[in-house]
Amino acid sequence: ARKSSNSKVGLLLSLGSSTIAVIRSVNRMRKTRGEQDNLEMAN
């Protein structure tokens, strides 16, 4: 395992990847809400 980098560039890259993942998850939530699948929404 690699230690997490505390450099500003590394932190910004981490923030960017987290932001993209949040956007994808929100899109998935919208899709499951349209399908009215409660288990997928909880997931």
All heavy atoms as atom14 arrays in JSON, in Angstrom:
{
  "sequence": "ARKSSNSKVGLLLSLGSSTIAVIRSVNRMRKTRGEQDNLEMAN",
  "atom14_mask": [
    [1, 1, 1, 1, 1, 0, 0, 0, 0, 0, 0, 0, 0, 0],
    [1, 1, 1, 1, 1, 1, 1, 1, 1, 1, 1, 0, 0, 0],
    [1, 1, 1, 1, 1, 1, 1, 1, 1, 0, 0, 0, 0, 0],
    [1, 1, 1, 1, 1, 1, 0, 0, 0, 0, 0, 0, 0, 0],
    [1, 1, 1, 1, 1, 1, 0, 0, 0, 0, 0, 0, 0, 0],
    [1, 1, 1, 1, 1, 1, 1, 1, 0, 0, 0, 0, 0, 0],
    [1, 1, 1, 1, 1, 1, 0, 0, 0, 0, 0, 0, 0, 0],
    [1, 1, 1, 1, 1, 1, 1, 1, 1, 0, 0, 0, 0, 0],
    [1, 1, 1, 1, 1, 1, 1, 0, 0, 0, 0, 0, 0, 0],
    [1, 1, 1, 1, 0, 0, 0, 0, 0, 0, 0, 0, 0, 0],
    [1, 1, 1, 1, 1, 1, 1, 1, 0, 0, 0, 0, 0, 0],
    [1, 1, 1, 1, 1, 1, 1, 1, 0, 0, 0, 0, 0, 0],
    [1, 1, 1, 1, 1, 1, 1, 1, 0, 0, 0, 0, 0, 0],
    [1, 1, 1, 1, 1, 1, 0, 0, 0, 0, 0, 0, 0, 0],
    [1, 1, 1, 1, 1, 1, 1, 1, 0, 0, 0, 0, 0, 0],
    [1, 1, 1, 1, 0, 0, 0, 0, 0, 0, 0, 0, 0, 0],
    [1, 1, 1, 1, 1, 1, 0, 0, 0, 0, 0, 0, 0, 0],
    [1, 1, 1, 1, 1, 1, 0, 0, 0, 0, 0, 0, 0, 0],
    [1, 1, 1, 1, 1, 1, 1, 0, 0, 0, 0, 0, 0, 0],
    [1, 1, 1, 1, 1, 1, 1, 1, 0, 0, 0, 0, 0, 0],
    [1, 1, 1, 1, 1, 0, 0, 0, 0, 0, 0, 0, 0, 0],
    [1, 1, 1, 1, 1, 1, 1, 0, 0, 0, 0, 0, 0, 0],
    [1, 1, 1, 1, 1, 1, 1, 1, 0, 0, 0, 0, 0, 0],
    [1, 1, 1, 1, 1, 1, 1, 1, 1, 1, 1, 0, 0, 0],
    [1, 1, 1, 1, 1, 1, 0, 0, 0, 0, 0, 0, 0, 0],
    [1, 1, 1, 1, 1, 1, 1, 0, 0, 0, 0, 0, 0, 0],
    [1, 1, 1, 1, 1, 1, 1, 1, 0, 0, 0, 0, 0, 0],
    [1, 1, 1, 1, 1, 1, 1, 1, 1, 1, 1, 0, 0, 0],
    [1, 1, 1, 1, 1, 1, 1, 1, 0, 0, 0, 0, 0, 0],
    [1, 1, 1, 1, 1, 1, 1, 1, 1, 1, 1, 0, 0, 0],
    [1, 1, 1, 1, 1, 1, 1, 1, 1, 0, 0, 0, 0, 0],
    [1, 1, 1, 1, 1, 1, 1, 0, 0, 0, 0, 0, 0, 0],
    [1, 1, 1, 1, 1, 1, 1, 1, 1, 1, 1, 0, 0, 0],
    [1, 1, 1, 1, 0, 0, 0, 0, 0, 0, 0, 0, 0, 0],
    [1, 1, 1, 1, 1, 1, 1, 1, 1, 0, 0, 0, 0, 0],
    [1, 1, 1, 1, 1, 1, 1, 1, 1, 0, 0, 0, 0, 0],
    [1, 1, 1, 1, 1, 1, 1, 1, 0, 0, 0, 0, 0, 0],
    [1, 1, 1, 1, 1, 1, 1, 1, 0, 0, 0, 0, 0, 0],
    [1, 1, 1, 1, 1, 1, 1, 1, 0, 0, 0, 0, 0, 0],
    [1, 1, 1, 1, 1, 1, 1, 1, 1, 0, 0, 0, 0, 0],
    [1, 1, 1, 1, 1, 1, 1, 1, 0, 0, 0, 0, 0, 0],
    [1, 1, 1, 1, 1, 0, 0, 0, 0, 0, 0, 0, 0, 0],
    [1, 1, 1, 1, 1, 1, 1, 1, 0, 0, 0, 0, 0, 0]
  ],
  "atom14_positions": [
    [[0.84, -1.2, 0.0], [0.0, 0.0, 0.0], [0.87, 1.24, 0.0], [1.89, 1.32, 0.68], [-0.9, 0.01, 1.22], [0.0, 0.0, 0.0], [0.0, 0.0, 0.0], [0.0, 0.0, 0.0], [0.0, 0.0, 0.0], [0.0, 0.0, 0.0], [0.0, 0.0, 0.0], [0.0, 0.0, 0.0], [0.0, 0.0, 0.0], [0.0, 0.0, 0.0]],
    [[0.42, 2.21, -0.78], [1.14, 3.47, -0.87], [0.56, 4.46, 0.12], [-0.64, 4.51, 0.33], [0.96, 4.02, -2.28], [2.23, 4.58, -2.85], [1.99, 5.04, -4.24], [1.91, 6.48, -4.17], [1.52, 7.25, -5.14], [1.13, 6.75, -6.26], [1.49, 8.54, -5.01], [0.0, 0.0, 0.0], [0.0, 0.0, 0.0], [0.0, 0.0, 0.0]],
    [[1.42, 5.26, 0.74], [0.93, 6.3, 1.63], [0.24, 7.37, 0.81], [0.65, 7.67, -0.31], [2.08, 6.94, 2.41], [2.48, 6.19, 3.63], [3.44, 7.04, 4.43], [3.6, 6.5, 5.8], [4.44, 7.32, 6.62], [0.0, 0.0, 0.0], [0.0, 0.0, 0.0], [0.0, 0.0, 0.0], [0.0, 0.0, 0.0], [0.0, 0.0, 0.0]],
    [[-0.8, 7.96, 1.4], [-1.49, 9.02, 0.67], [-0.61, 10.27, 0.61], [0.05, 10.62, 1.58], [-2.82, 9.36, 1.35], [-2.58, 9.83, 2.65], [0.0, 0.0, 0.0], [0.0, 0.0, 0.0], [0.0, 0.0, 0.0], [0.0, 0.0, 0.0], [0.0, 0.0, 0.0], [0.0, 0.0, 0.0], [0.0, 0.0, 0.0], [0.0, 0.0, 0.0]],
    [[-0.62, 10.9, -0.53], [0.2, 12.08, -0.74], [-0.51, 13.29, -0.17], [-1.72, 13.44, -0.31], [0.45, 12.27, -2.23], [1.1, 13.49, -2.44], [0.0, 0.0, 0.0], [0.0, 0.0, 0.0], [0.0, 0.0, 0.0], [0.0, 0.0, 0.0], [0.0, 0.0, 0.0], [0.0, 0.0, 0.0], [0.0, 0.0, 0.0], [0.0, 0.0, 0.0]],
    [[0.22, 14.16, 0.46], [-0.35, 15.38, 0.98], [0.01, 16.58, 0.11], [-0.16, 17.71, 0.53], [0.11, 15.63, 2.42], [-0.63, 14.75, 3.4], [-1.76, 14.37, 3.15], [0.01, 14.44, 4.5], [0.0, 0.0, 0.0], [0.0, 0.0, 0.0], [0.0, 0.0, 0.0], [0.0, 0.0, 0.0], [0.0, 0.0, 0.0], [0.0, 0.0, 0.0]],
    [[0.53, 16.33, -1.09], [0.85, 17.44, -1.96], [-0.44, 18.07, -2.47], [-1.48, 17.42, -2.55], [1.69, 16.98, -3.15], [0.91, 16.21, -4.03], [0.0, 0.0, 0.0], [0.0, 0.0, 0.0], [0.0, 0.0, 0.0], [0.0, 0.0, 0.0], [0.0, 0.0, 0.0], [0.0, 0.0, 0.0], [0.0, 0.0, 0.0], [0.0, 0.0, 0.0]],
    [[-0.37, 19.32, -2.78], [-1.56, 20.03, -3.22], [-2.1, 19.45, -4.53], [-3.3, 19.3, -4.69], [-1.23, 21.51, -3.4], [-2.45, 22.39, -3.48], [-2.08, 23.84, -3.36], [-3.32, 24.68, -3.22], [-3.03, 26.07, -2.99], [0.0, 0.0, 0.0], [0.0, 0.0, 0.0], [0.0, 0.0, 0.0], [0.0, 0.0, 0.0], [0.0, 0.0, 0.0]],
    [[-1.22, 19.06, -5.43], [-1.65, 18.47, -6.7], [-2.36, 17.14, -6.45], [-3.41, 16.86, -7.02], [-0.44, 18.29, -7.65], [-0.84, 17.51, -8.88], [0.16, 19.62, -8.01], [0.0, 0.0, 0.0], [0.0, 0.0, 0.0], [0.0, 0.0, 0.0], [0.0, 0.0, 0.0], [0.0, 0.0, 0.0], [0.0, 0.0, 0.0], [0.0, 0.0, 0.0]],
    [[-1.79, 16.33, -5.58], [-2.41, 15.04, -5.26], [-3.77, 15.21, -4.62], [-4.71, 14.47, -4.93], [0.0, 0.0, 0.0], [0.0, 0.0, 0.0], [0.0, 0.0, 0.0], [0.0, 0.0, 0.0], [0.0, 0.0, 0.0], [0.0, 0.0, 0.0], [0.0, 0.0, 0.0], [0.0, 0.0, 0.0], [0.0, 0.0, 0.0], [0.0, 0.0, 0.0]],
    [[-3.89, 16.19, -3.73], [-5.18, 16.44, -3.1], [-6.2, 16.95, -4.1], [-7.38, 16.58, -4.04], [-5.0, 17.44, -1.95], [-4.23, 16.92, -0.74], [-3.98, 18.04, 0.25], [-4.96, 15.78, -0.08], [0.0, 0.0, 0.0], [0.0, 0.0, 0.0], [0.0, 0.0, 0.0], [0.0, 0.0, 0.0], [0.0, 0.0, 0.0], [0.0, 0.0, 0.0]],
    [[-5.77, 17.8, -5.03], [-6.7, 18.3, -6.04], [-7.16, 17.19, -6.98], [-8.33, 17.14, -7.37], [-6.05, 19.44, -6.84], [-5.89, 20.76, -6.09], [-5.1, 21.76, -6.92], [-7.24, 21.34, -5.72], [0.0, 0.0, 0.0], [0.0, 0.0, 0.0], [0.0, 0.0, 0.0], [0.0, 0.0, 0.0], [0.0, 0.0, 0.0], [0.0, 0.0, 0.0]],
    [[-6.25, 16.29, -7.33], [-6.64, 15.14, -8.15], [-7.64, 14.25, -7.42], [-8.6, 13.76, -8.0], [-5.41, 14.34, -8.56], [-4.56, 14.94, -9.67], [-3.29, 14.12, -9.84], [-5.33, 15.0, -10.96], [0.0, 0.0, 0.0], [0.0, 0.0, 0.0], [0.0, 0.0, 0.0], [0.0, 0.0, 0.0], [0.0, 0.0, 0.0], [0.0, 0.0, 0.0]],
    [[-7.41, 14.04, -6.15], [-8.32, 13.25, -5.34], [-9.69, 13.91, -5.26], [-10.72, 13.24, -5.36], [-7.73, 13.05, -3.95], [-8.61, 12.32, -3.15], [0.0, 0.0, 0.0], [0.0, 0.0, 0.0], [0.0, 0.0, 0.0], [0.0, 0.0, 0.0], [0.0, 0.0, 0.0], [0.0, 0.0, 0.0], [0.0, 0.0, 0.0], [0.0, 0.0, 0.0]],
    [[-9.71, 15.22, -5.08], [-10.97, 15.95, -5.02], [-11.7, 15.86, -6.36], [-12.91, 15.66, -6.41], [-10.72, 17.42, -4.65], [-11.95, 18.3, -4.54], [-12.87, 17.78, -3.45], [-11.54, 19.73, -4.24], [0.0, 0.0, 0.0], [0.0, 0.0, 0.0], [0.0, 0.0, 0.0], [0.0, 0.0, 0.0], [0.0, 0.0, 0.0], [0.0, 0.0, 0.0]],
    [[-10.97, 15.97, -7.46], [-11.58, 15.87, -8.78], [-12.19, 14.51, -9.03], [-13.31, 14.39, -9.54], [0.0, 0.0, 0.0], [0.0, 0.0, 0.0], [0.0, 0.0, 0.0], [0.0, 0.0, 0.0], [0.0, 0.0, 0.0], [0.0, 0.0, 0.0], [0.0, 0.0, 0.0], [0.0, 0.0, 0.0], [0.0, 0.0, 0.0], [0.0, 0.0, 0.0]],
    [[-11.47, 13.45, -8.64], [-12.02, 12.11, -8.84], [-13.22, 11.86, -7.94], [-14.19, 11.22, -8.35], [-10.95, 11.05, -8.62], [-10.51, 11.07, -7.29], [0.0, 0.0, 0.0], [0.0, 0.0, 0.0], [0.0, 0.0, 0.0], [0.0, 0.0, 0.0], [0.0, 0.0, 0.0], [0.0, 0.0, 0.0], [0.0, 0.0, 0.0], [0.0, 0.0, 0.0]],
    [[-13.2, 12.4, -6.73], [-14.36, 12.28, -5.84], [-15.56, 13.02, -6.42], [-16.69, 12.53, -6.34], [-14.04, 12.83, -4.46], [-13.07, 12.03, -3.81], [0.0, 0.0, 0.0], [0.0, 0.0, 0.0], [0.0, 0.0, 0.0], [0.0, 0.0, 0.0], [0.0, 0.0, 0.0], [0.0, 0.0, 0.0], [0.0, 0.0, 0.0], [0.0, 0.0, 0.0]],
    [[-15.32, 14.18, -7.0], [-16.4, 14.95, -7.59], [-17.04, 14.2, -8.75], [-18.27, 14.13, -8.87], [-15.88, 16.32, -8.07], [-15.28, 17.0, -6.97], [-16.98, 17.17, -8.64], [0.0, 0.0, 0.0], [0.0, 0.0, 0.0], [0.0, 0.0, 0.0], [0.0, 0.0, 0.0], [0.0, 0.0, 0.0], [0.0, 0.0, 0.0], [0.0, 0.0, 0.0]],
    [[-16.23, 13.6, -9.59], [-16.75, 12.83, -10.72], [-17.56, 11.64, -10.22], [-18.64, 11.33, -10.74], [-15.61, 12.38, -11.65], [-15.04, 13.6, -12.37], [-16.08, 11.34, -12.65], [-13.76, 13.34, -13.12], [0.0, 0.0, 0.0], [0.0, 0.0, 0.0], [0.0, 0.0, 0.0], [0.0, 0.0, 0.0], [0.0, 0.0, 0.0], [0.0, 0.0, 0.0]],
    [[-17.08, 10.97, -9.19], [-17.79, 9.83, -8.63], [-19.13, 10.25, -8.02], [-20.13, 9.54, -8.16], [-16.92, 9.13, -7.59], [0.0, 0.0, 0.0], [0.0, 0.0, 0.0], [0.0, 0.0, 0.0], [0.0, 0.0, 0.0], [0.0, 0.0, 0.0], [0.0, 0.0, 0.0], [0.0, 0.0, 0.0], [0.0, 0.0, 0.0], [0.0, 0.0, 0.0]],
    [[-19.16, 11.4, -7.36], [-20.42, 11.9, -6.8], [-21.41, 12.2, -7.92], [-22.6, 11.86, -7.82], [-20.17, 13.15, -5.92], [-21.46, 13.87, -5.6], [-19.44, 12.76, -4.65], [0.0, 0.0, 0.0], [0.0, 0.0, 0.0], [0.0, 0.0, 0.0], [0.0, 0.0, 0.0], [0.0, 0.0, 0.0], [0.0, 0.0, 0.0], [0.0, 0.0, 0.0]],
    [[-20.95, 12.83, -9.0], [-21.84, 13.14, -10.12], [-22.41, 11.87, -10.72], [-23.62, 11.78, -11.01], [-21.09, 13.97, -11.17], [-20.81, 15.37, -10.63], [-21.89, 14.06, -12.47], [-19.86, 16.19, -11.47], [0.0, 0.0, 0.0], [0.0, 0.0, 0.0], [0.0, 0.0, 0.0], [0.0, 0.0, 0.0], [0.0, 0.0, 0.0], [0.0, 0.0, 0.0]],
    [[-21.57, 10.85, -10.89], [-22.05, 9.58, -11.44], [-23.07, 8.93, -10.51], [-24.08, 8.38, -10.96], [-20.89, 8.63, -11.69], [-20.0, 9.1, -12.83], [-18.88, 8.17, -13.1], [-19.42, 6.93, -13.66], [-18.75, 5.8, -13.73], [-17.53, 5.73, -13.26], [-19.3, 4.73, -14.25], [0.0, 0.0, 0.0], [0.0, 0.0, 0.0], [0.0, 0.0, 0.0]],
    [[-22.85, 9.01, -9.2], [-23.78, 8.43, -8.24], [-25.11, 9.17, -8.25], [-26.17, 8.55, -8.15], [-23.19, 8.45, -6.83], [-22.1, 7.58, -6.75], [0.0, 0.0, 0.0], [0.0, 0.0, 0.0], [0.0, 0.0, 0.0], [0.0, 0.0, 0.0], [0.0, 0.0, 0.0], [0.0, 0.0, 0.0], [0.0, 0.0, 0.0], [0.0, 0.0, 0.0]],
    [[-25.06, 10.49, -8.35], [-26.3, 11.27, -8.41], [-27.08, 10.91, -9.67], [-28.31, 10.76, -9.64], [-26.0, 12.78, -8.34], [-27.22, 13.61, -8.69], [-25.49, 13.14, -6.95], [0.0, 0.0, 0.0], [0.0, 0.0, 0.0], [0.0, 0.0, 0.0], [0.0, 0.0, 0.0], [0.0, 0.0, 0.0], [0.0, 0.0, 0.0], [0.0, 0.0, 0.0]],
    [[-26.39, 10.74, -10.78], [-27.07, 10.34, -12.02], [-27.71, 8.97, -11.85], [-28.82, 8.73, -12.33], [-26.1, 10.34, -13.2], [-25.75, 11.74, -13.64], [-26.47, 12.68, -13.37], [-24.62, 11.88, -14.3], [0.0, 0.0, 0.0], [0.0, 0.0, 0.0], [0.0, 0.0, 0.0], [0.0, 0.0, 0.0], [0.0, 0.0, 0.0], [0.0, 0.0, 0.0]],
    [[-27.02, 8.06, -11.18], [-27.58, 6.74, -10.93], [-28.82, 6.82, -10.04], [-29.8, 6.12, -10.25], [-26.54, 5.83, -10.29], [-26.95, 4.37, -10.3], [-25.82, 3.49, -9.87], [-25.95, 3.3, -8.44], [-24.99, 2.9, -7.64], [-23.8, 2.66, -8.11], [-25.2, 2.73, -6.36], [0.0, 0.0, 0.0], [0.0, 0.0, 0.0], [0.0, 0.0, 0.0]],
    [[-28.78, 7.73, -9.06], [-29.94, 7.92, -8.2], [-31.13, 8.44, -8.99], [-32.27, 8.0, -8.79], [-29.62, 8.9, -7.06], [-28.79, 8.31, -5.97], [-28.35, 9.5, -4.69], [-29.95, 10.06, -4.16], [0.0, 0.0, 0.0], [0.0, 0.0, 0.0], [0.0, 0.0, 0.0], [0.0, 0.0, 0.0], [0.0, 0.0, 0.0], [0.0, 0.0, 0.0]],
    [[-30.88, 9.37, -9.88], [-31.98, 9.9, -10.71], [-32.58, 8.81, -11.58], [-33.79, 8.74, -11.75], [-31.46, 11.03, -11.58], [-31.2, 12.28, -10.81], [-30.73, 13.38, -11.72], [-30.42, 14.58, -10.96], [-29.71, 15.57, -11.4], [-29.2, 15.53, -12.62], [-29.47, 16.62, -10.65], [0.0, 0.0, 0.0], [0.0, 0.0, 0.0], [0.0, 0.0, 0.0]],
    [[-31.72, 7.95, -12.13], [-32.21, 6.87, -12.98], [-33.07, 5.89, -12.18], [-34.15, 5.5, -12.61], [-31.03, 6.13, -13.6], [-31.41, 4.98, -14.48], [-30.18, 4.25, -14.97], [-30.59, 2.94, -15.61], [-29.45, 2.06, -15.77], [0.0, 0.0, 0.0], [0.0, 0.0, 0.0], [0.0, 0.0, 0.0], [0.0, 0.0, 0.0], [0.0, 0.0, 0.0]],
    [[-32.59, 5.51, -10.99], [-33.35, 4.56, -10.18], [-34.63, 5.18, -9.64], [-35.62, 4.47, -9.46], [-32.51, 4.01, -9.01], [-32.07, 5.08, -8.2], [-31.33, 3.23, -9.52], [0.0, 0.0, 0.0], [0.0, 0.0, 0.0], [0.0, 0.0, 0.0], [0.0, 0.0, 0.0], [0.0, 0.0, 0.0], [0.0, 0.0, 0.0], [0.0, 0.0, 0.0]],
    [[-34.63, 6.47, -9.41], [-35.86, 7.13, -8.95], [-36.92, 7.07, -10.04], [-38.09, 6.85, -9.76], [-35.58, 8.58, -8.57], [-36.78, 9.26, -7.96], [-36.47, 10.65, -7.47], [-35.76, 11.4, -8.49], [-35.26, 12.6, -8.31], [-35.38, 13.18, -7.14], [-34.66, 13.24, -9.28], [0.0, 0.0, 0.0], [0.0, 0.0, 0.0], [0.0, 0.0, 0.0]],
    [[-36.51, 7.22, -11.3], [-37.44, 7.11, -12.41], [-38.0, 5.7, -12.56], [-39.15, 5.52, -12.96], [0.0, 0.0, 0.0], [0.0, 0.0, 0.0], [0.0, 0.0, 0.0], [0.0, 0.0, 0.0], [0.0, 0.0, 0.0], [0.0, 0.0, 0.0], [0.0, 0.0, 0.0], [0.0, 0.0, 0.0], [0.0, 0.0, 0.0], [0.0, 0.0, 0.0]],
    [[-37.19, 4.7, -12.23], [-37.63, 3.31, -12.31], [-38.38, 2.89, -11.04], [-38.97, 1.83, -11.01], [-36.42, 2.39, -12.51], [-35.71, 2.62, -13.82], [-34.4, 1.86, -13.91], [-34.01, 1.19, -12.93], [-33.76, 1.95, -14.97], [0.0, 0.0, 0.0], [0.0, 0.0, 0.0], [0.0, 0.0, 0.0], [0.0, 0.0, 0.0], [0.0, 0.0, 0.0]],
    [[-38.33, 3.71, -10.01], [-38.97, 3.47, -8.72], [-38.53, 2.14, -8.11], [-39.32, 1.34, -7.65], [-40.49, 3.55, -8.84], [-40.92, 4.93, -9.28], [-42.4, 5.16, -9.14], [-43.14, 4.29, -8.75], [-42.82, 6.36, -9.46], [0.0, 0.0, 0.0], [0.0, 0.0, 0.0], [0.0, 0.0, 0.0], [0.0, 0.0, 0.0], [0.0, 0.0, 0.0]],
    [[-37.24, 1.9, -8.14], [-36.64, 0.71, -7.56], [-36.01, 1.11, -6.22], [-34.94, 1.71, -6.18], [-35.59, 0.14, -8.52], [-35.04, -1.19, -8.06], [-35.36, -1.6, -6.92], [-34.29, -1.81, -8.83], [0.0, 0.0, 0.0], [0.0, 0.0, 0.0], [0.0, 0.0, 0.0], [0.0, 0.0, 0.0], [0.0, 0.0, 0.0], [0.0, 0.0, 0.0]],
    [[-36.7, 0.79, -5.14], [-36.26, 1.24, -3.81], [-34.93, 0.61, -3.4], [-34.12, 1.27, -2.74], [-37.33, 0.92, -2.77], [-38.55, 1.8, -2.94], [-38.46, 2.88, -3.51], [-39.68, 1.33, -2.47], [0.0, 0.0, 0.0], [0.0, 0.0, 0.0], [0.0, 0.0, 0.0], [0.0, 0.0, 0.0], [0.0, 0.0, 0.0], [0.0, 0.0, 0.0]],
    [[-34.7, -0.63, -3.75], [-33.45, -1.28, -3.38], [-32.26, -0.64, -4.1], [-31.21, -0.39, -3.48], [-33.52, -2.77, -3.68], [-32.35, -3.62, -3.19], [-32.18, -3.47, -1.69], [-32.57, -5.06, -3.56], [0.0, 0.0, 0.0], [0.0, 0.0, 0.0], [0.0, 0.0, 0.0], [0.0, 0.0, 0.0], [0.0, 0.0, 0.0], [0.0, 0.0, 0.0]],
    [[-32.41, -0.35, -5.38], [-31.34, 0.33, -6.11], [-31.12, 1.74, -5.58], [-29.99, 2.22, -5.53], [-31.67, 0.39, -7.61], [-31.38, -0.89, -8.34], [-29.9, -1.21, -8.44], [-29.07, -0.29, -8.54], [-29.58, -2.4, -8.38], [0.0, 0.0, 0.0], [0.0, 0.0, 0.0], [0.0, 0.0, 0.0], [0.0, 0.0, 0.0], [0.0, 0.0, 0.0]],
    [[-32.19, 2.41, -5.17], [-32.06, 3.76, -4.6], [-31.28, 3.71, -3.29], [-30.39, 4.53, -3.06], [-33.44, 4.37, -4.36], [-33.39, 5.76, -3.75], [-32.54, 6.98, -4.76], [-33.86, 7.44, -5.83], [0.0, 0.0, 0.0], [0.0, 0.0, 0.0], [0.0, 0.0, 0.0], [0.0, 0.0, 0.0], [0.0, 0.0, 0.0], [0.0, 0.0, 0.0]],
    [[-31.6, 2.73, -2.44], [-30.86, 2.59, -1.18], [-29.39, 2.29, -1.46], [-28.51, 2.81, -0.77], [-31.49, 1.48, -0.34], [0.0, 0.0, 0.0], [0.0, 0.0, 0.0], [0.0, 0.0, 0.0], [0.0, 0.0, 0.0], [0.0, 0.0, 0.0], [0.0, 0.0, 0.0], [0.0, 0.0, 0.0], [0.0, 0.0, 0.0], [0.0, 0.0, 0.0]],
    [[-29.12, 1.47, -2.46], [-27.74, 1.16, -2.83], [-27.01, 2.4, -3.33], [-25.84, 2.63, -3.0], [-27.74, 0.06, -3.9], [-26.36, -0.45, -4.19], [-25.48, -0.4, -3.34], [-26.17, -0.96, -5.38], [0.0, 0.0, 0.0], [0.0, 0.0, 0.0], [0.0, 0.0, 0.0], [0.0, 0.0, 0.0], [0.0, 0.0, 0.0], [0.0, 0.0, 0.0]]
  ]
}
